[in-house]
Structures are given as C-alpha cells and as structure tokens.
C-alpha atoms as a PDB file:
ATOM      1  CA  MET A   1     -37.567  10.874  -2.000  1.00  0.00           C
ATOM      2  CA  LYS A   2     -36.409  14.754  -1.694  1.00  0.00           C
ATOM      3  CA  VAL A   3     -36.454  15.981  -5.459  1.00  0.00           C
ATOM      4  CA  VAL A   4     -35.605  19.152  -6.436  1.00  0.00           C
ATOM      5  CA  LEU A   5     -37.510  20.520  -9.701  1.00  0.00           C
ATOM      6  CA  THR A   6     -36.965  22.610 -12.731  1.00  0.00           C
ATOM      7  CA  GLY A   7     -39.832  23.852 -15.075  1.00  0.00           C
ATOM      8  CA  ALA A   8     -42.191  23.242 -12.841  1.00  0.00           C
ATOM      9  CA  THR A   9     -44.885  26.056 -14.525  1.00  0.00           C
ATOM     10  CA  GLY A  10     -44.333  24.541 -17.009  1.00  0.00           C
ATOM     11  CA  PHE A  11     -46.541  22.348 -19.512  1.00  0.00           C
ATOM     12  CA  ILE A  12     -45.605  18.893 -18.432  1.00  0.00           C
ATOM     13  CA  GLY A  13     -44.261  20.081 -15.166  1.00  0.00           C
ATOM     14  CA  ARG A  14     -47.151  20.678 -13.755  1.00  0.00           C
ATOM     15  CA  PRO A  15     -48.405  18.095 -13.438  1.00  0.00           C
ATOM     16  CA  ALA A  16     -45.227  16.321 -12.508  1.00  0.00           C
ATOM     17  CA  LEU A  17     -45.337  18.505  -9.755  1.00  0.00           C
ATOM     18  CA  ASP A  18     -48.815  17.276  -8.779  1.00  0.00           C
ATOM     19  CA  LEU A  19     -48.070  13.632  -9.473  1.00  0.00           C
ATOM     20  CA  LEU A  20     -44.391  14.217  -7.137  1.00  0.00           C
ATOM     21  CA  LEU A  21     -46.556  15.466  -3.885  1.00  0.00           C
ATOM     22  CA  LYS A  22     -49.135  13.330  -4.579  1.00  0.00           C
ATOM     23  CA  ARG A  23     -46.417  10.346  -4.464  1.00  0.00           C
ATOM     24  CA  GLY A  24     -45.217  11.391  -0.872  1.00  0.00           C
ATOM     25  CA  HIS A  25     -41.779  13.516  -2.245  1.00  0.00           C
ATOM     26  CA  GLN A  26     -40.643  16.954  -0.485  1.00  0.00           C
ATOM     27  CA  VAL A  27     -39.620  19.102  -3.404  1.00  0.00           C
ATOM     28  CA  LEU A  28     -37.915  21.809  -3.764  1.00  0.00           C
ATOM     29  CA  VAL A  29     -39.009  23.909  -6.870  1.00  0.00           C
ATOM     30  CA  VAL A  30     -35.924  26.072  -8.470  1.00  0.00           C
ATOM     31  CA  SER A  31     -37.731  28.557 -11.203  1.00  0.00           C
ATOM     32  CA  ARG A  32     -37.623  32.332 -12.595  1.00  0.00           C
ATOM     33  CA  GLN A  33     -41.206  32.520 -11.472  1.00  0.00           C
ATOM     34  CA  GLU A  34     -43.377  33.280  -8.714  1.00  0.00           C
ATOM     35  CA  PRO A  35     -45.210  30.511  -7.612  1.00  0.00           C
ATOM     36  CA  PRO A  36     -48.777  30.718  -9.657  1.00  0.00           C
ATOM     37  CA  ALA A  37     -51.751  30.158  -7.410  1.00  0.00           C
ATOM     38  CA  GLY A  38     -53.160  26.589  -5.304  1.00  0.00           C
ATOM     39  CA  VAL A  39     -49.241  25.750  -5.377  1.00  0.00           C
ATOM     40  CA  PRO A  40     -49.496  23.633  -1.885  1.00  0.00           C
ATOM     41  CA  GLY A  41     -47.530  24.949   0.606  1.00  0.00           C
ATOM     42  CA  LYS A  42     -45.524  22.263   1.401  1.00  0.00           C
ATOM     43  CA  VAL A  43     -43.199  22.842  -1.627  1.00  0.00           C
ATOM     44  CA  GLN A  44     -40.281  24.912  -1.093  1.00  0.00           C
ATOM     45  CA  TRP A  45     -40.124  27.296  -4.107  1.00  0.00           C
ATOM     46  CA  TYR A  46     -36.865  28.988  -4.782  1.00  0.00           C
ATOM     47  CA  LYS A  47     -37.113  31.439  -7.055  1.00  0.00           C
ATOM     48  CA  SER A  48     -33.798  31.942  -9.172  1.00  0.00           C
ATOM     49  CA  ASP A  49     -32.212  31.953 -12.452  1.00  0.00           C
ATOM     50  CA  LEU A  50     -30.475  28.944 -13.064  1.00  0.00           C
ATOM     51  CA  SER A  51     -28.288  30.225 -15.870  1.00  0.00           C
ATOM     52  CA  PHE A  52     -26.355  31.661 -11.987  1.00  0.00           C
ATOM     53  CA  PRO A  53     -25.367  28.559  -9.525  1.00  0.00           C
ATOM     54  CA  GLU A  54     -24.534  31.298  -7.068  1.00  0.00           C
ATOM     55  CA  THR A  55     -28.203  32.509  -6.293  1.00  0.00           C
ATOM     56  CA  PHE A  56     -29.625  28.535  -6.173  1.00  0.00           C
ATOM     57  CA  GLY A  57     -26.322  26.268  -4.806  1.00  0.00           C
ATOM     58  CA  THR A  58     -26.926  27.578  -1.359  1.00  0.00           C
ATOM     59  CA  ALA A  59     -30.547  26.294  -1.282  1.00  0.00           C
ATOM     60  CA  LEU A  60     -29.785  23.025  -3.437  1.00  0.00           C
ATOM     61  CA  VAL A  61     -27.490  22.220  -0.781  1.00  0.00           C
ATOM     62  CA  HIS A  62     -29.493  22.777   2.537  1.00  0.00           C
ATOM     63  CA  PHE A  63     -32.144  21.102   0.616  1.00  0.00           C
ATOM     64  CA  GLN A  64     -29.826  17.911   0.187  1.00  0.00           C
ATOM     65  CA  PRO A  65     -31.715  16.432  -3.134  1.00  0.00           C
ATOM     66  CA  ASP A  66     -31.838  12.700  -3.178  1.00  0.00           C
ATOM     67  CA  ALA A  67     -32.684  12.998  -7.051  1.00  0.00           C
ATOM     68  CA  ALA A  68     -33.374  15.593  -9.738  1.00  0.00           C
ATOM     69  CA  LEU A  69     -35.985  16.530 -12.546  1.00  0.00           C
ATOM     70  CA  HIS A  70     -34.896  18.972 -14.908  1.00  0.00           C
ATOM     71  CA  LEU A  71     -37.836  19.962 -17.422  1.00  0.00           C
ATOM     72  CA  ALA A  72     -36.636  23.792 -18.305  1.00  0.00           C
ATOM     73  CA  TRP A  73     -35.799  24.624 -21.449  1.00  0.00           C
ATOM     74  CA  GLU A  74     -36.432  28.637 -22.068  1.00  0.00           C
ATOM     75  CA  GLY A  75     -37.805  30.101 -24.450  1.00  0.00           C
ATOM     76  CA  ILE A  76     -39.527  27.808 -26.577  1.00  0.00           C
ATOM     77  CA  PRO A  77     -40.722  28.000 -29.475  1.00  0.00           C
ATOM     78  CA  ASP A  78     -37.327  29.778 -30.137  1.00  0.00           C
ATOM     79  CA  PHE A  79     -34.995  26.970 -31.111  1.00  0.00           C
ATOM     80  CA  SER A  80     -32.170  29.664 -32.051  1.00  0.00           C
ATOM     81  CA  LEU A  81     -28.626  29.139 -31.946  1.00  0.00           C
ATOM     82  CA  GLU A  82     -28.488  31.292 -29.145  1.00  0.00           C
ATOM     83  CA  LYS A  83     -31.233  29.995 -27.473  1.00  0.00           C
ATOM     84  CA  CYS A  84     -29.886  26.308 -27.752  1.00  0.00           C
ATOM     85  CA  LEU A  85     -26.351  27.487 -27.067  1.00  0.00           C
ATOM     86  CA  GLY A  86     -27.828  28.606 -23.110  1.00  0.00           C
ATOM     87  CA  ASN A  87     -30.299  26.226 -22.568  1.00  0.00           C
ATOM     88  CA  LEU A  88     -27.309  23.815 -22.821  1.00  0.00           C
ATOM     89  CA  GLN A  89     -24.930  25.427 -20.725  1.00  0.00           C
ATOM     90  CA  THR A  90     -27.918  26.077 -18.081  1.00  0.00           C
ATOM     91  CA  GLY A  91     -28.669  22.326 -18.253  1.00  0.00           C
ATOM     92  CA  VAL A  92     -25.186  21.451 -17.143  1.00  0.00           C
ATOM     93  CA  VAL A  93     -24.648  23.997 -14.831  1.00  0.00           C
ATOM     94  CA  PHE A  94     -27.779  22.946 -13.057  1.00  0.00           C
ATOM     95  CA  GLY A  95     -26.372  19.265 -13.205  1.00  0.00           C
ATOM     96  CA  ARG A  96     -23.079  20.190 -11.423  1.00  0.00           C
ATOM     97  CA  ALA A  97     -25.030  22.183  -8.839  1.00  0.00           C
ATOM     98  CA  ALA A  98     -27.615  18.722  -7.649  1.00  0.00           C
ATOM     99  CA  LEU A  99     -24.286  16.524  -7.803  1.00  0.00           C
ATOM    100  CA  GLU A 100     -22.510  19.206  -5.459  1.00  0.00           C
ATOM    101  CA  ALA A 101     -25.745  19.070  -3.436  1.00  0.00           C
ATOM    102  CA  GLY A 102     -25.454  15.121  -3.344  1.00  0.00           C
ATOM    103  CA  CYS A 103     -27.889  14.329  -5.685  1.00  0.00           C
ATOM    104  CA  LYS A 104     -27.523  10.786  -6.564  1.00  0.00           C
ATOM    105  CA  HIS A 105     -30.052  10.484  -9.556  1.00  0.00           C
ATOM    106  CA  MET A 106     -31.479  12.856 -12.664  1.00  0.00           C
ATOM    107  CA  VAL A 107     -34.586  12.932 -15.093  1.00  0.00           C
ATOM    108  CA  VAL A 108     -33.227  15.383 -17.645  1.00  0.00           C
ATOM    109  CA  ALA A 109     -36.309  16.327 -20.383  1.00  0.00           C
ATOM    110  CA  GLY A 110     -34.780  15.257 -24.008  1.00  0.00           C
ATOM    111  CA  SER A 111     -36.595  15.466 -26.936  1.00  0.00           C
ATOM    112  CA  CYS A 112     -37.967  12.789 -29.827  1.00  0.00           C
ATOM    113  CA  TRP A 113     -35.817  15.715 -32.506  1.00  0.00           C
ATOM    114  CA  GLU A 114     -32.611  14.437 -31.446  1.00  0.00           C
ATOM    115  CA  TYR A 115     -32.969  11.382 -33.110  1.00  0.00           C
ATOM    116  CA  GLY A 116     -33.060  14.087 -36.662  1.00  0.00           C
ATOM    117  CA  ARG A 117     -34.372  12.073 -40.169  1.00  0.00           C
ATOM    118  CA  VAL A 118     -35.497   9.523 -38.645  1.00  0.00           C
ATOM    119  CA  LEU A 119     -38.476   7.170 -40.426  1.00  0.00           C
ATOM    120  CA  GLY A 120     -40.973   4.885 -38.832  1.00  0.00           C
ATOM    121  CA  LEU A 121     -40.609   3.063 -35.223  1.00  0.00           C
ATOM    122  CA  VAL A 122     -37.523   4.339 -33.848  1.00  0.00           C
ATOM    123  CA  SER A 123     -35.166   3.052 -30.818  1.00  0.00           C
ATOM    124  CA  GLU A 124     -33.028   4.638 -27.841  1.00  0.00           C
ATOM    125  CA  SER A 125     -29.883   2.882 -30.004  1.00  0.00           C
ATOM    126  CA  GLU A 126     -31.027   4.900 -33.106  1.00  0.00           C
ATOM    127  CA  ALA A 127     -28.110   7.158 -34.509  1.00  0.00           C
ATOM    128  CA  PRO A 128     -28.597  10.879 -34.888  1.00  0.00           C
ATOM    129  CA  SER A 129     -29.194  11.790 -38.449  1.00  0.00           C
ATOM    130  CA  SER A 130     -28.937  15.624 -39.271  1.00  0.00           C
ATOM    131  CA  PRO A 131     -30.868  16.645 -35.900  1.00  0.00           C
ATOM    132  CA  GLY A 132     -30.580  20.206 -36.344  1.00  0.00           C
ATOM    133  CA  VAL A 133     -29.481  22.869 -34.121  1.00  0.00           C
ATOM    134  CA  PHE A 134     -31.739  21.801 -31.542  1.00  0.00           C
ATOM    135  CA  GLY A 135     -32.014  18.040 -31.457  1.00  0.00           C
ATOM    136  CA  ALA A 136     -28.063  18.753 -31.468  1.00  0.00           C
ATOM    137  CA  ALA A 137     -28.383  20.856 -27.950  1.00  0.00           C
ATOM    138  CA  LYS A 138     -29.769  17.964 -26.341  1.00  0.00           C
ATOM    139  CA  ASN A 139     -27.627  15.355 -27.897  1.00  0.00           C
ATOM    140  CA  ALA A 140     -24.717  17.477 -26.127  1.00  0.00           C
ATOM    141  CA  GLN A 141     -26.336  18.065 -23.167  1.00  0.00           C
ATOM    142  CA  HIS A 142     -27.207  14.277 -22.540  1.00  0.00           C
ATOM    143  CA  SER A 143     -23.284  13.681 -23.385  1.00  0.00           C
ATOM    144  CA  ILE A 144     -22.062  16.037 -20.994  1.00  0.00           C
ATOM    145  CA  LEU A 145     -24.429  15.084 -18.442  1.00  0.00           C
ATOM    146  CA  ARG A 146     -23.488  11.655 -18.746  1.00  0.00           C
ATOM    147  CA  ALA A 147     -19.818  11.830 -18.669  1.00  0.00           C
ATOM    148  CA  LEU A 148     -20.281  14.416 -15.028  1.00  0.00           C
ATOM    149  CA  PHE A 149     -22.849  11.542 -13.668  1.00  0.00           C
ATOM    150  CA  GLU A 150     -20.855   9.349 -14.105  1.00  0.00           C
ATOM    151  CA  GLU A 151     -17.813  10.560 -12.701  1.00  0.00           C
ATOM    152  CA  GLY A 152     -19.937  11.973  -9.592  1.00  0.00           C
ATOM    153  CA  GLY A 153     -21.231   7.876  -9.242  1.00  0.00           C
ATOM    154  CA  ALA A 154     -24.537   9.070  -9.905  1.00  0.00           C
ATOM    155  CA  THR A 155     -27.210   7.693 -12.661  1.00  0.00           C
ATOM    156  CA  LEU A 156     -28.946   9.608 -15.395  1.00  0.00           C
ATOM    157  CA  SER A 157     -32.645   9.189 -17.015  1.00  0.00           C
ATOM    158  CA  TRP A 158     -32.165  10.939 -20.458  1.00  0.00           C
ATOM    159  CA  SER A 159     -35.995  10.988 -21.446  1.00  0.00           C
ATOM    160  CA  ARG A 160     -36.858  11.679 -25.326  1.00  0.00           C
ATOM    161  CA  ILE A 161     -40.479  13.166 -25.591  1.00  0.00           C
ATOM    162  CA  PHE A 162     -42.271  12.711 -28.053  1.00  0.00           C
ATOM    163  CA  PHE A 163     -45.441  14.807 -29.075  1.00  0.00           C
ATOM    164  CA  VAL A 164     -46.699  15.369 -25.977  1.00  0.00           C
ATOM    165  CA  PHE A 165     -50.496  16.950 -25.723  1.00  0.00           C
ATOM    166  CA  GLY A 166     -52.797  18.008 -23.414  1.00  0.00           C
ATOM    167  CA  PRO A 167     -54.553  21.553 -21.614  1.00  0.00           C
ATOM    168  CA  GLY A 168     -52.352  23.816 -21.186  1.00  0.00           C
ATOM    169  CA  GLN A 169     -50.213  22.947 -24.357  1.00  0.00           C
ATOM    170  CA  ARG A 170     -48.945  26.110 -26.437  1.00  0.00           C
ATOM    171  CA  ARG A 171     -51.177  27.580 -28.551  1.00  0.00           C
ATOM    172  CA  ALA A 172     -49.205  27.291 -32.246  1.00  0.00           C
ATOM    173  CA  SER A 173     -48.927  23.458 -31.488  1.00  0.00           C
ATOM    174  CA  LEU A 174     -51.515  21.010 -33.664  1.00  0.00           C
ATOM    175  CA  VAL A 175     -53.966  20.129 -31.047  1.00  0.00           C
ATOM    176  CA  PRO A 176     -55.140  23.509 -29.580  1.00  0.00           C
ATOM    177  CA  ALA A 177     -54.650  24.816 -33.173  1.00  0.00           C
ATOM    178  CA  VAL A 178     -56.911  22.297 -34.627  1.00  0.00           C
ATOM    179  CA  CYS A 179     -59.380  22.674 -31.491  1.00  0.00           C
ATOM    180  CA  ARG A 180     -59.303  26.492 -32.250  1.00  0.00           C
ATOM    181  CA  SER A 181     -60.178  26.293 -35.796  1.00  0.00           C
ATOM    182  CA  ILE A 182     -63.297  23.873 -34.924  1.00  0.00           C
ATOM    183  CA  LEU A 183     -64.281  26.186 -32.488  1.00  0.00           C
ATOM    184  CA  ALA A 184     -64.168  29.209 -34.478  1.00  0.00           C
ATOM    185  CA  GLY A 185     -66.185  26.978 -37.370  1.00  0.00           C
ATOM    186  CA  GLU A 186     -63.128  27.445 -39.681  1.00  0.00           C
ATOM    187  CA  PRO A 187     -61.097  24.128 -41.161  1.00  0.00           C
ATOM    188  CA  PRO A 188     -57.983  22.971 -39.868  1.00  0.00           C
ATOM    189  CA  ALA A 189     -55.039  24.395 -41.674  1.00  0.00           C
ATOM    190  CA  LEU A 190     -52.859  21.506 -41.251  1.00  0.00           C
ATOM    191  CA  ARG A 191     -49.106  22.614 -42.606  1.00  0.00           C
ATOM    192  CA  THR A 192     -48.175  18.845 -43.301  1.00  0.00           C
ATOM    193  CA  PRO A 193     -51.160  16.598 -43.135  1.00  0.00           C
ATOM    194  CA  SER A 194     -49.276  13.537 -43.784  1.00  0.00           C
ATOM    195  CA  ALA A 195     -46.778  14.019 -40.811  1.00  0.00           C
ATOM    196  CA  VAL A 196     -46.936  11.076 -38.910  1.00  0.00           C
ATOM    197  CA  ASN A 197     -46.227  11.646 -34.940  1.00  0.00           C
ATOM    198  CA  ASP A 198     -46.077   9.800 -32.057  1.00  0.00           C
ATOM    199  CA  PHE A 199     -48.772  11.415 -29.966  1.00  0.00           C
ATOM    200  CA  LEU A 200     -48.486  11.119 -25.976  1.00  0.00           C
ATOM    201  CA  TYR A 201     -51.104  12.644 -23.085  1.00  0.00           C
ATOM    202  CA  VAL A 202     -49.496  15.051 -20.972  1.00  0.00           C
ATOM    203  CA  ASP A 203     -50.688  13.257 -17.817  1.00  0.00           C
ATOM    204  CA  ASP A 204     -48.741  10.026 -19.494  1.00  0.00           C
ATOM    205  CA  ALA A 205     -45.516  11.534 -19.823  1.00  0.00           C
ATOM    206  CA  ALA A 206     -45.199  13.003 -16.559  1.00  0.00           C
ATOM    207  CA  ALA A 207     -46.080   9.590 -14.604  1.00  0.00           C
ATOM    208  CA  ALA A 208     -43.221   8.426 -17.249  1.00  0.00           C
ATOM    209  CA  LEU A 209     -40.828  10.892 -15.738  1.00  0.00           C
ATOM    210  CA  VAL A 210     -41.848  10.078 -12.351  1.00  0.00           C
ATOM    211  CA  LEU A 211     -41.062   6.411 -12.530  1.00  0.00           C
ATOM    212  CA  LEU A 212     -37.525   7.188 -14.042  1.00  0.00           C
ATOM    213  CA  LEU A 213     -37.091   9.339 -11.186  1.00  0.00           C
ATOM    214  CA  GLU A 214     -38.357   6.565  -8.663  1.00  0.00           C
ATOM    215  CA  THR A 215     -36.851   3.733 -10.253  1.00  0.00           C
ATOM    216  CA  ARG A 216     -32.844   5.412 -10.938  1.00  0.00           C
ATOM    217  CA  ALA A 217     -33.109   3.846 -14.273  1.00  0.00           C
ATOM    218  CA  ASP A 218     -29.922   4.629 -15.765  1.00  0.00           C
ATOM    219  CA  GLY A 219     -30.310   5.405 -19.314  1.00  0.00           C
ATOM    220  CA  VAL A 220     -31.994   6.656 -22.614  1.00  0.00           C
ATOM    221  CA  PHE A 221     -35.770   5.699 -22.986  1.00  0.00           C
ATOM    222  CA  ASN A 222     -38.339   7.318 -25.146  1.00  0.00           C
ATOM    223  CA  VAL A 223     -41.378   8.709 -23.869  1.00  0.00           C
ATOM    224  CA  GLY A 224     -44.207   8.449 -26.606  1.00  0.00           C
ATOM    225  CA  SER A 225     -47.170   6.047 -27.102  1.00  0.00           C
ATOM    226  CA  GLY A 226     -45.311   3.740 -29.246  1.00  0.00           C
ATOM    227  CA  VAL A 227     -47.676   4.490 -31.958  1.00  0.00           C
ATOM    228  CA  GLY A 228     -47.944   6.614 -35.149  1.00  0.00           C
ATOM    229  CA  THR A 229     -50.313   8.800 -36.166  1.00  0.00           C
ATOM    230  CA  ARG A 230     -50.773  11.036 -38.977  1.00  0.00           C
ATOM    231  CA  ALA A 231     -51.509  14.717 -38.029  1.00  0.00           C
ATOM    232  CA  ASP A 232     -54.628  14.409 -40.689  1.00  0.00           C
ATOM    233  CA  ALA A 233     -55.857  11.439 -38.699  1.00  0.00           C
ATOM    234  CA  VAL A 234     -55.984  13.679 -35.262  1.00  0.00           C
ATOM    235  CA  ALA A 235     -57.896  16.565 -36.861  1.00  0.00           C
ATOM    236  CA  SER A 236     -60.354  13.839 -37.851  1.00  0.00           C
ATOM    237  CA  LEU A 237     -60.714  12.525 -34.718  1.00  0.00           C
ATOM    238  CA  LEU A 238     -61.398  16.600 -33.272  1.00  0.00           C
ATOM    239  CA  LEU A 239     -63.703  16.928 -36.510  1.00  0.00           C
ATOM    240  CA  GLY A 240     -65.548  13.707 -35.251  1.00  0.00           C
ATOM    241  CA  MET A 241     -65.776  15.581 -31.685  1.00  0.00           C
ATOM    242  CA  ALA A 242     -67.452  18.342 -32.578  1.00  0.00           C
ATOM    243  CA  GLY A 243     -69.855  16.763 -34.580  1.00  0.00           C
ATOM    244  CA  LYS A 244     -67.873  17.069 -37.945  1.00  0.00           C
ATOM    245  CA  PRO A 245     -66.802  13.584 -38.859  1.00  0.00           C
ATOM    246  CA  GLU A 246     -67.041  14.800 -42.725  1.00  0.00           C
ATOM    247  CA  GLY A 247     -65.125  17.893 -42.325  1.00  0.00           C
ATOM    248  CA  LEU A 248     -61.264  15.980 -43.476  1.00  0.00           C
ATOM    249  CA  LYS A 249     -60.703  12.551 -44.995  1.00  0.00           C
ATOM    250  CA  ALA A 250     -57.278  11.450 -43.108  1.00  0.00           C
ATOM    251  CA  SER A 251     -54.968   8.991 -45.453  1.00  0.00           C
ATOM    252  CA  SER A 252     -53.428   5.606 -44.684  1.00  0.00           C
ATOM    253  CA  ASP A 253     -49.948   7.012 -45.852  1.00  0.00           C
ATOM    254  CA  PHE A 254     -46.966   6.543 -43.495  1.00  0.00           C
ATOM    255  CA  SER A 255     -44.708   7.243 -45.899  1.00  0.00           C
ATOM    256  CA  THR A 256     -43.349  10.266 -43.913  1.00  0.00           C
ATOM    257  CA  GLY A 257     -42.682  10.898 -39.616  1.00  0.00           C
ATOM    258  CA  PHE A 258     -41.593   8.381 -36.940  1.00  0.00           C
ATOM    259  CA  TYR A 259     -42.685   6.939 -33.284  1.00  0.00           C
ATOM    260  CA  GLY A 260     -40.821   5.762 -30.623  1.00  0.00           C
ATOM    261  CA  ASP A 261     -39.993   2.523 -29.326  1.00  0.00           C
ATOM    262  CA  ILE A 262     -41.368   2.483 -25.578  1.00  0.00           C
ATOM    263  CA  SER A 263     -39.941  -0.897 -24.781  1.00  0.00           C
ATOM    264  CA  GLY A 264     -37.677   0.629 -21.939  1.00  0.00           C
ATOM    265  CA  LEU A 265     -40.469   2.066 -20.076  1.00  0.00           C
ATOM    266  CA  LYS A 266     -42.671  -0.819 -20.270  1.00  0.00           C
ATOM    267  CA  ALA A 267     -39.540  -3.084 -18.960  1.00  0.00           C
ATOM    268  CA  LEU A 268     -40.391  -0.611 -15.982  1.00  0.00           C
ATOM    269  CA  GLY A 269     -43.661  -1.458 -16.015  1.00  0.00           C
ATOM    270  CA  TRP A 270     -45.085   1.790 -17.462  1.00  0.00           C
ATOM    271  CA  ALA A 271     -47.542   1.738 -20.130  1.00  0.00           C
ATOM    272  CA  PRO A 272     -50.208   4.720 -21.337  1.00  0.00           C
ATOM    273  CA  GLN A 273     -53.389   5.225 -19.144  1.00  0.00           C
ATOM    274  CA  VAL A 274     -54.839   7.689 -21.522  1.00  0.00           C
ATOM    275  CA  THR A 275     -55.832   6.657 -25.122  1.00  0.00           C
ATOM    276  CA  LEU A 276     -55.383   9.231 -27.941  1.00  0.00           C
ATOM    277  CA  GLU A 277     -59.455   9.498 -28.174  1.00  0.00           C
ATOM    278  CA  GLU A 278     -59.672  10.352 -24.568  1.00  0.00           C
ATOM    279  CA  GLY A 279     -56.630  12.506 -24.222  1.00  0.00           C
ATOM    280  CA  LEU A 280     -57.857  14.342 -27.601  1.00  0.00           C
ATOM    281  CA  ARG A 281     -61.503  14.620 -25.623  1.00  0.00           C
ATOM    282  CA  ARG A 282     -60.262  15.892 -22.867  1.00  0.00           C
ATOM    283  CA  THR A 283     -57.903  18.575 -24.637  1.00  0.00           C
ATOM    284  CA  PHE A 284     -61.010  19.808 -26.307  1.00  0.00           C
ATOM    285  CA  ASP A 285     -63.293  20.290 -24.115  1.00  0.00           C
ATOM    286  CA  SER A 286     -60.729  22.250 -21.778  1.00  0.00           C
ATOM    287  CA  ILE A 287     -60.087  24.294 -24.483  1.00  0.00           C
ATOM    288  CA  ARG A 288     -64.131  24.855 -25.689  1.00  0.00           C
ATOM    289  CA  GLY A 289     -64.305  25.710 -21.784  1.00  0.00           C
ATOM    290  CA  GLY A 290     -61.737  28.313 -21.973  1.00  0.00           C
ATOM    291  CA  GLY A 291     -58.860  26.328 -20.068  1.00  0.00           C
ATOM    292  CA  LEU A 292     -55.232  27.581 -20.075  1.00  0.00           C
ATOM    293  CA  GLN A 293     -53.059  27.361 -22.641  1.00  0.00           C
ATOM    294  CA  CYS A 294     -49.853  29.188 -22.813  1.00  0.00           C
END
C-alpha cells in the first residue's frame, strides 16, 4: 500500500513509520523537518509546511497514495485557542489534498480529551461533555473530515488515543517526570495522584493505527489499554523497579478519571502486546540510559 504519513518525527510517528516499512508499505512523509539520521533511504521524504497545500499538493498527486496516516499536531503542549485553530485548519487542508490525490482511506490521531468531563469506562458513542478547547478542536476536525471523506467516497478511521507512554515521550509527561525524579533521588511529585488514566505503550499505539490503516476500518476507535490505572499506582510501580517499593503507597480509590472501551479494536483482532509493567520498565531503562526525550 502507498501511504502518506504526517508526524513521522513525533512520539507515535517514529514507531508508526518503522512498522509501516516493516510491513512492506511504500511511505511518503510530509514534514516540516529534515529526515532524522537513520531513516531508510526507501522512505520518500518531502519537506513542507502542511499549512500550505500548494507546497505539497503536487508531491501527493505524483505519489498517488492509497491511504493516509495523519498524526501531526503542531505545538503540543500548547493547547491555546490559536494553536488549536491552526491545527484544525491544517488537518482539514491536508485531508482534502489527500483526497484530491486519490487517497481512499485516512487514519487520524484524535484524542481521548474529546470526551471531556467523563468518568469510568468510555465507549466511542459517548457524547462529549465540556471537552475544552483542545478536545473541541479535535471534535470539529473529525466532523469536517468525516463530511469530506463521505462526499469523496472514501473512508475515515478516527482514533481517540488515550495516555500513550514510552521512550521518547515529552519530558513533562507523567511517566518520564516520575522516572527523572526517582533517578535524581527525589520523591515523585504527582499533581493528581488519584487521577485514573488509560496507559498504553507507544509501540502498541502505533500497531493499532497501522491496523486501522490496513483494514480501512470506518468509524471511531478508542486506542488504549482498556484498563484504568491511577497515577500513584504508576509511580509506585516505577519506584519498585528502582528498588524503592516503600517510597509511595498507592490508593485503590477510582473516583476520578476515565479509560477506554476498546471493543472496536478488539473486533479487528487487536490487543495490547506490552503490559503496563513491561512498558514502564522499558521506559525507565531508556531514560536511565540517556534515551531520547522530546
């Protein structure tokens, strides 16, 4: 399959690109950045700003993609109105350009924050509840792209991604921040220790997105582990890996937070392959060894 990919240098984009190549797909990357060291020569890399379709539209037409995987969202963790509006427009512009180039299926990285203020297990049919600016922008992008692709006779997989973690994650995120505190000999500082999140290892997230691409599944899909875990429980596991199991006592209270119903992905034959404990161990070892962080 000929796949056009955005966000290839990002946290999820890097393993997604590796997996696409491993599975034999031809890949055209559209990115504002130069290709990083180690990118195989068989990857077609087109440096361009997604905000300006006139700079990459011709490359898409020449490539004639069968499908697109749109992961780019510029500026994270800046979730201001200005950034969200810019990314909303960029995603719509890219989607239209992909359609005009012959793309028949597109997978887009949405967010669990589209659900807003919800609690417990959340299904894809859950109505948004005060999602905030970022979640609202993602919801709006989904609605517009859905209309465009239906009019164009193409299909769309909208992936609502939960709390992905792993090597290469942003330094300020929960798991790498806790790892750095432990390695510095400091107690983990948890802003919301009782918050329940759905933690998924980054390689599993990439595999889910590639599956949605290959199966051309149409609809909304939660991309998560399907299990809720408190932030202090994650910190406790990491402390145990560092030989400090007494450093934090995790509570069993699950009165706040949410996690995803992943029955949609399971119906396609997908399930997480990396346990929470193994994923945390890989991440901790990577950071301890000086691994890349965004």
